[in-house]
Amino acid sequence: MREALDQWDFVIAAYALGVGGTLAMAGWAWAAMVRAERRRDAAKRK
C-alpha cells in the first residue's frame, strides 16, 4: 500500500472524465441531429 498520493491517479481520472464527457456530448449531438433530420423529413411530407 502506498503512503503518498500519486498525481497520476488524478491525471488519469481527469483524462477519463474529459474523454467520457466528450464522447457523451458527441453522442448527444448526433442523436439531436438525427431527430432534427427526422422532423425535417416529416415536415417535407406534409
PDB file of N, CA and C in Angstrom:
ATOM      1  N   MET A   1       0.836  -1.182   0.000  1.00  0.00           N
ATOM      2  CA  MET A   1       0.000   0.000   0.000  1.00  0.00           C
ATOM      3  C   MET A   1       0.879   1.242   0.000  1.00  0.00           C
ATOM      4  N   ARG A   2       0.447   2.249  -0.704  1.00  0.00           N
ATOM      5  CA  ARG A   2       1.225   3.475  -0.808  1.00  0.00           C
ATOM      6  C   ARG A   2       0.847   4.447   0.304  1.00  0.00           C
ATOM      7  N   GLU A   3       1.832   5.179   0.761  1.00  0.00           N
ATOM      8  CA  GLU A   3       1.573   6.179   1.792  1.00  0.00           C
ATOM      9  C   GLU A   3       1.290   7.545   1.184  1.00  0.00           C
ATOM     10  N   ALA A   4       1.969   7.891   0.095  1.00  0.00           N
ATOM     11  CA  ALA A   4       1.805   9.207  -0.514  1.00  0.00           C
ATOM     12  C   ALA A   4       0.805   9.132  -1.667  1.00  0.00           C
ATOM     13  N   LEU A   5       0.149  10.244  -1.942  1.00  0.00           N
ATOM     14  CA  LEU A   5      -0.762  10.301  -3.078  1.00  0.00           C
ATOM     15  C   LEU A   5       0.045  10.423  -4.358  1.00  0.00           C
ATOM     16  N   ASP A   6      -0.371   9.710  -5.341  1.00  0.00           N
ATOM     17  CA  ASP A   6       0.303   9.747  -6.641  1.00  0.00           C
ATOM     18  C   ASP A   6      -0.525  10.615  -7.576  1.00  0.00           C
ATOM     19  N   GLN A   7       0.083  11.644  -8.163  1.00  0.00           N
ATOM     20  CA  GLN A   7      -0.667  12.568  -9.001  1.00  0.00           C
ATOM     21  C   GLN A   7      -1.177  11.910 -10.273  1.00  0.00           C
ATOM     22  N   TRP A   8      -0.573  10.807 -10.688  1.00  0.00           N
ATOM     23  CA  TRP A   8      -1.008  10.160 -11.921  1.00  0.00           C
ATOM     24  C   TRP A   8      -2.416   9.597 -11.811  1.00  0.00           C
ATOM     25  N   ASP A   9      -2.834   9.220 -10.600  1.00  0.00           N
ATOM     26  CA  ASP A   9      -4.211   8.768 -10.431  1.00  0.00           C
ATOM     27  C   ASP A   9      -5.188   9.885 -10.804  1.00  0.00           C
ATOM     28  N   PHE A  10      -4.880  11.095 -10.400  1.00  0.00           N
ATOM     29  CA  PHE A  10      -5.740  12.231 -10.704  1.00  0.00           C
ATOM     30  C   PHE A  10      -5.657  12.610 -12.179  1.00  0.00           C
ATOM     31  N   VAL A  11      -4.483  12.496 -12.762  1.00  0.00           N
ATOM     32  CA  VAL A  11      -4.321  12.805 -14.186  1.00  0.00           C
ATOM     33  C   VAL A  11      -5.131  11.820 -15.022  1.00  0.00           C
ATOM     34  N   ILE A  12      -5.046  10.549 -14.704  1.00  0.00           N
ATOM     35  CA  ILE A  12      -5.795   9.526 -15.439  1.00  0.00           C
ATOM     36  C   ILE A  12      -7.293   9.738 -15.257  1.00  0.00           C
ATOM     37  N   ALA A  13      -7.717  10.060 -14.043  1.00  0.00           N
ATOM     38  CA  ALA A  13      -9.140  10.323 -13.804  1.00  0.00           C
ATOM     39  C   ALA A  13      -9.616  11.540 -14.589  1.00  0.00           C
ATOM     40  N   ALA A  14      -8.807  12.589 -14.654  1.00  0.00           N
ATOM     41  CA  ALA A  14      -9.185  13.787 -15.402  1.00  0.00           C
ATOM     42  C   ALA A  14      -9.307  13.482 -16.893  1.00  0.00           C
ATOM     43  N   TYR A  15      -8.361  12.723 -17.430  1.00  0.00           N
ATOM     44  CA  TYR A  15      -8.451  12.346 -18.837  1.00  0.00           C
ATOM     45  C   TYR A  15      -9.679  11.475 -19.087  1.00  0.00           C
ATOM     46  N   ALA A  16      -9.960  10.548 -18.191  1.00  0.00           N
ATOM     47  CA  ALA A  16     -11.131   9.679 -18.359  1.00  0.00           C
ATOM     48  C   ALA A  16     -12.418  10.505 -18.358  1.00  0.00           C
ATOM     49  N   LEU A  17     -12.511  11.461 -17.438  1.00  0.00           N
ATOM     50  CA  LEU A  17     -13.696  12.328 -17.404  1.00  0.00           C
ATOM     51  C   LEU A  17     -13.783  13.188 -18.658  1.00  0.00           C
ATOM     52  N   GLY A  18     -12.657  13.701 -19.094  1.00  0.00           N
ATOM     53  CA  GLY A  18     -12.654  14.542 -20.291  1.00  0.00           C
ATOM     54  C   GLY A  18     -13.056  13.779 -21.538  1.00  0.00           C
ATOM     55  N   VAL A  19     -12.467  12.610 -21.718  1.00  0.00           N
ATOM     56  CA  VAL A  19     -12.798  11.795 -22.889  1.00  0.00           C
ATOM     57  C   VAL A  19     -14.235  11.295 -22.801  1.00  0.00           C
ATOM     58  N   GLY A  20     -14.638  10.859 -21.621  1.00  0.00           N
ATOM     59  CA  GLY A  20     -16.018  10.394 -21.443  1.00  0.00           C
ATOM     60  C   GLY A  20     -17.026  11.496 -21.699  1.00  0.00           C
ATOM     61  N   GLY A  21     -16.750  12.682 -21.195  1.00  0.00           N
ATOM     62  CA  GLY A  21     -17.652  13.812 -21.421  1.00  0.00           C
ATOM     63  C   GLY A  21     -17.716  14.203 -22.890  1.00  0.00           C
ATOM     64  N   THR A  22     -16.583  14.168 -23.555  1.00  0.00           N
ATOM     65  CA  THR A  22     -16.550  14.493 -24.980  1.00  0.00           C
ATOM     66  C   THR A  22     -17.354  13.486 -25.791  1.00  0.00           C
ATOM     67  N   LEU A  23     -17.181  12.216 -25.475  1.00  0.00           N
ATOM     68  CA  LEU A  23     -17.940  11.181 -26.186  1.00  0.00           C
ATOM     69  C   LEU A  23     -19.429  11.293 -25.908  1.00  0.00           C
ATOM     70  N   ALA A  24     -19.786  11.585 -24.659  1.00  0.00           N
ATOM     71  CA  ALA A  24     -21.198  11.747 -24.318  1.00  0.00           C
ATOM     72  C   ALA A  24     -21.803  12.935 -25.059  1.00  0.00           C
ATOM     73  N   MET A  25     -21.096  14.037 -25.142  1.00  0.00           N
ATOM     74  CA  MET A  25     -21.614  15.213 -25.839  1.00  0.00           C
ATOM     75  C   MET A  25     -21.719  14.957 -27.342  1.00  0.00           C
ATOM     76  N   ALA A  26     -20.747  14.248 -27.900  1.00  0.00           N
ATOM     77  CA  ALA A  26     -20.815  13.927 -29.325  1.00  0.00           C
ATOM     78  C   ALA A  26     -22.002  13.011 -29.604  1.00  0.00           C
ATOM     79  N   GLY A  27     -22.247  12.051 -28.739  1.00  0.00           N
ATOM     80  CA  GLY A  27     -23.400  11.166 -28.903  1.00  0.00           C
ATOM     81  C   GLY A  27     -24.710  11.919 -28.783  1.00  0.00           C
ATOM     82  N   TRP A  28     -24.790  12.833 -27.825  1.00  0.00           N
ATOM     83  CA  TRP A  28     -25.997  13.642 -27.651  1.00  0.00           C
ATOM     84  C   TRP A  28     -26.232  14.518 -28.884  1.00  0.00           C
ATOM     85  N   ALA A  29     -25.178  15.137 -29.406  1.00  0.00           N
ATOM     86  CA  ALA A  29     -25.307  15.993 -30.572  1.00  0.00           C
ATOM     87  C   ALA A  29     -25.721  15.176 -31.802  1.00  0.00           C
ATOM     88  N   TRP A  30     -25.165  13.985 -31.946  1.00  0.00           N
ATOM     89  CA  TRP A  30     -25.519  13.135 -33.075  1.00  0.00           C
ATOM     90  C   TRP A  30     -26.998  12.743 -32.997  1.00  0.00           C
ATOM     91  N   ALA A  31     -27.451  12.358 -31.790  1.00  0.00           N
ATOM     92  CA  ALA A  31     -28.853  11.977 -31.623  1.00  0.00           C
ATOM     93  C   ALA A  31     -29.780  13.167 -31.891  1.00  0.00           C
ATOM     94  N   ALA A  32     -29.403  14.353 -31.451  1.00  0.00           N
ATOM     95  CA  ALA A  32     -30.210  15.543 -31.705  1.00  0.00           C
ATOM     96  C   ALA A  32     -30.267  15.835 -33.204  1.00  0.00           C
ATOM     97  N   MET A  33     -29.160  15.633 -33.909  1.00  0.00           N
ATOM     98  CA  MET A  33     -29.130  15.859 -35.347  1.00  0.00           C
ATOM     99  C   MET A  33     -30.054  14.880 -36.066  1.00  0.00           C
ATOM    100  N   VAL A  34     -30.038  13.624 -35.638  1.00  0.00           N
ATOM    101  CA  VAL A  34     -30.898  12.617 -36.263  1.00  0.00           C
ATOM    102  C   VAL A  34     -32.369  12.969 -36.020  1.00  0.00           C
ATOM    103  N   ARG A  35     -32.699  13.392 -34.791  1.00  0.00           N
ATOM    104  CA  ARG A  35     -34.084  13.786 -34.508  1.00  0.00           C
ATOM    105  C   ARG A  35     -34.501  14.983 -35.361  1.00  0.00           C
ATOM    106  N   ALA A  36     -33.620  15.955 -35.514  1.00  0.00           N
ATOM    107  CA  ALA A  36     -33.939  17.141 -36.318  1.00  0.00           C
ATOM    108  C   ALA A  36     -34.134  16.759 -37.785  1.00  0.00           C
ATOM    109  N   GLU A  37     -33.318  15.840 -38.286  1.00  0.00           N
ATOM    110  CA  GLU A  37     -33.480  15.408 -39.671  1.00  0.00           C
ATOM    111  C   GLU A  37     -34.801  14.684 -39.863  1.00  0.00           C
ATOM    112  N   ARG A  38     -35.204  13.891 -38.888  1.00  0.00           N
ATOM    113  CA  ARG A  38     -36.496  13.193 -38.984  1.00  0.00           C
ATOM    114  C   ARG A  38     -37.645  14.184 -38.964  1.00  0.00           C
ATOM    115  N   ARG A  39     -37.556  15.214 -38.104  1.00  0.00           N
ATOM    116  CA  ARG A  39     -38.600  16.238 -38.073  1.00  0.00           C
ATOM    117  C   ARG A  39     -38.657  16.997 -39.392  1.00  0.00           C
ATOM    118  N   ARG A  40     -37.498  17.297 -39.980  1.00  0.00           N
ATOM    119  CA  ARG A  40     -37.455  17.992 -41.270  1.00  0.00           C
ATOM    120  C   ARG A  40     -38.081  17.148 -42.357  1.00  0.00           C
ATOM    121  N   ASP A  41     -37.753  15.852 -42.382  1.00  0.00           N
ATOM    122  CA  ASP A  41     -38.316  14.964 -43.406  1.00  0.00           C
ATOM    123  C   ASP A  41     -39.834  14.834 -43.225  1.00  0.00           C
ATOM    124  N   ALA A  42     -40.296  14.777 -41.978  1.00  0.00           N
ATOM    125  CA  ALA A  42     -41.735  14.674 -41.725  1.00  0.00           C
ATOM    126  C   ALA A  42     -42.446  15.956 -42.160  1.00  0.00           C
ATOM    127  N   ALA A  43     -41.808  17.100 -41.970  1.00  0.00           N
ATOM    128  CA  ALA A  43     -42.418  18.369 -42.378  1.00  0.00           C
ATOM    129  C   ALA A  43     -42.485  18.486 -43.901  1.00  0.00           C
ATOM    130  N   LYS A  44     -41.500  17.932 -44.583  1.00  0.00           N
ATOM    131  CA  LYS A  44     -41.494  17.971 -46.047  1.00  0.00           C
ATOM    132  C   LYS A  44     -42.635  17.130 -46.623  1.00  0.00           C
ATOM    133  N   ARG A  45     -42.962  16.025 -45.953  1.00  0.00           N
ATOM    134  CA  ARG A  45     -44.007  15.121 -46.448  1.00  0.00           C
ATOM    135  C   ARG A  45     -45.400  15.706 -46.291  1.00  0.00           C
ATOM    136  N   LYS A  46     -45.575  16.649 -45.385  1.00  0.00           N
ATOM    137  CA  LYS A  46     -46.922  17.206 -45.141  1.00  0.00           C
ATOM    138  C   LYS A  46     -47.361  18.118 -46.241  1.00  0.00           C
TER     139      LYS A  46
END
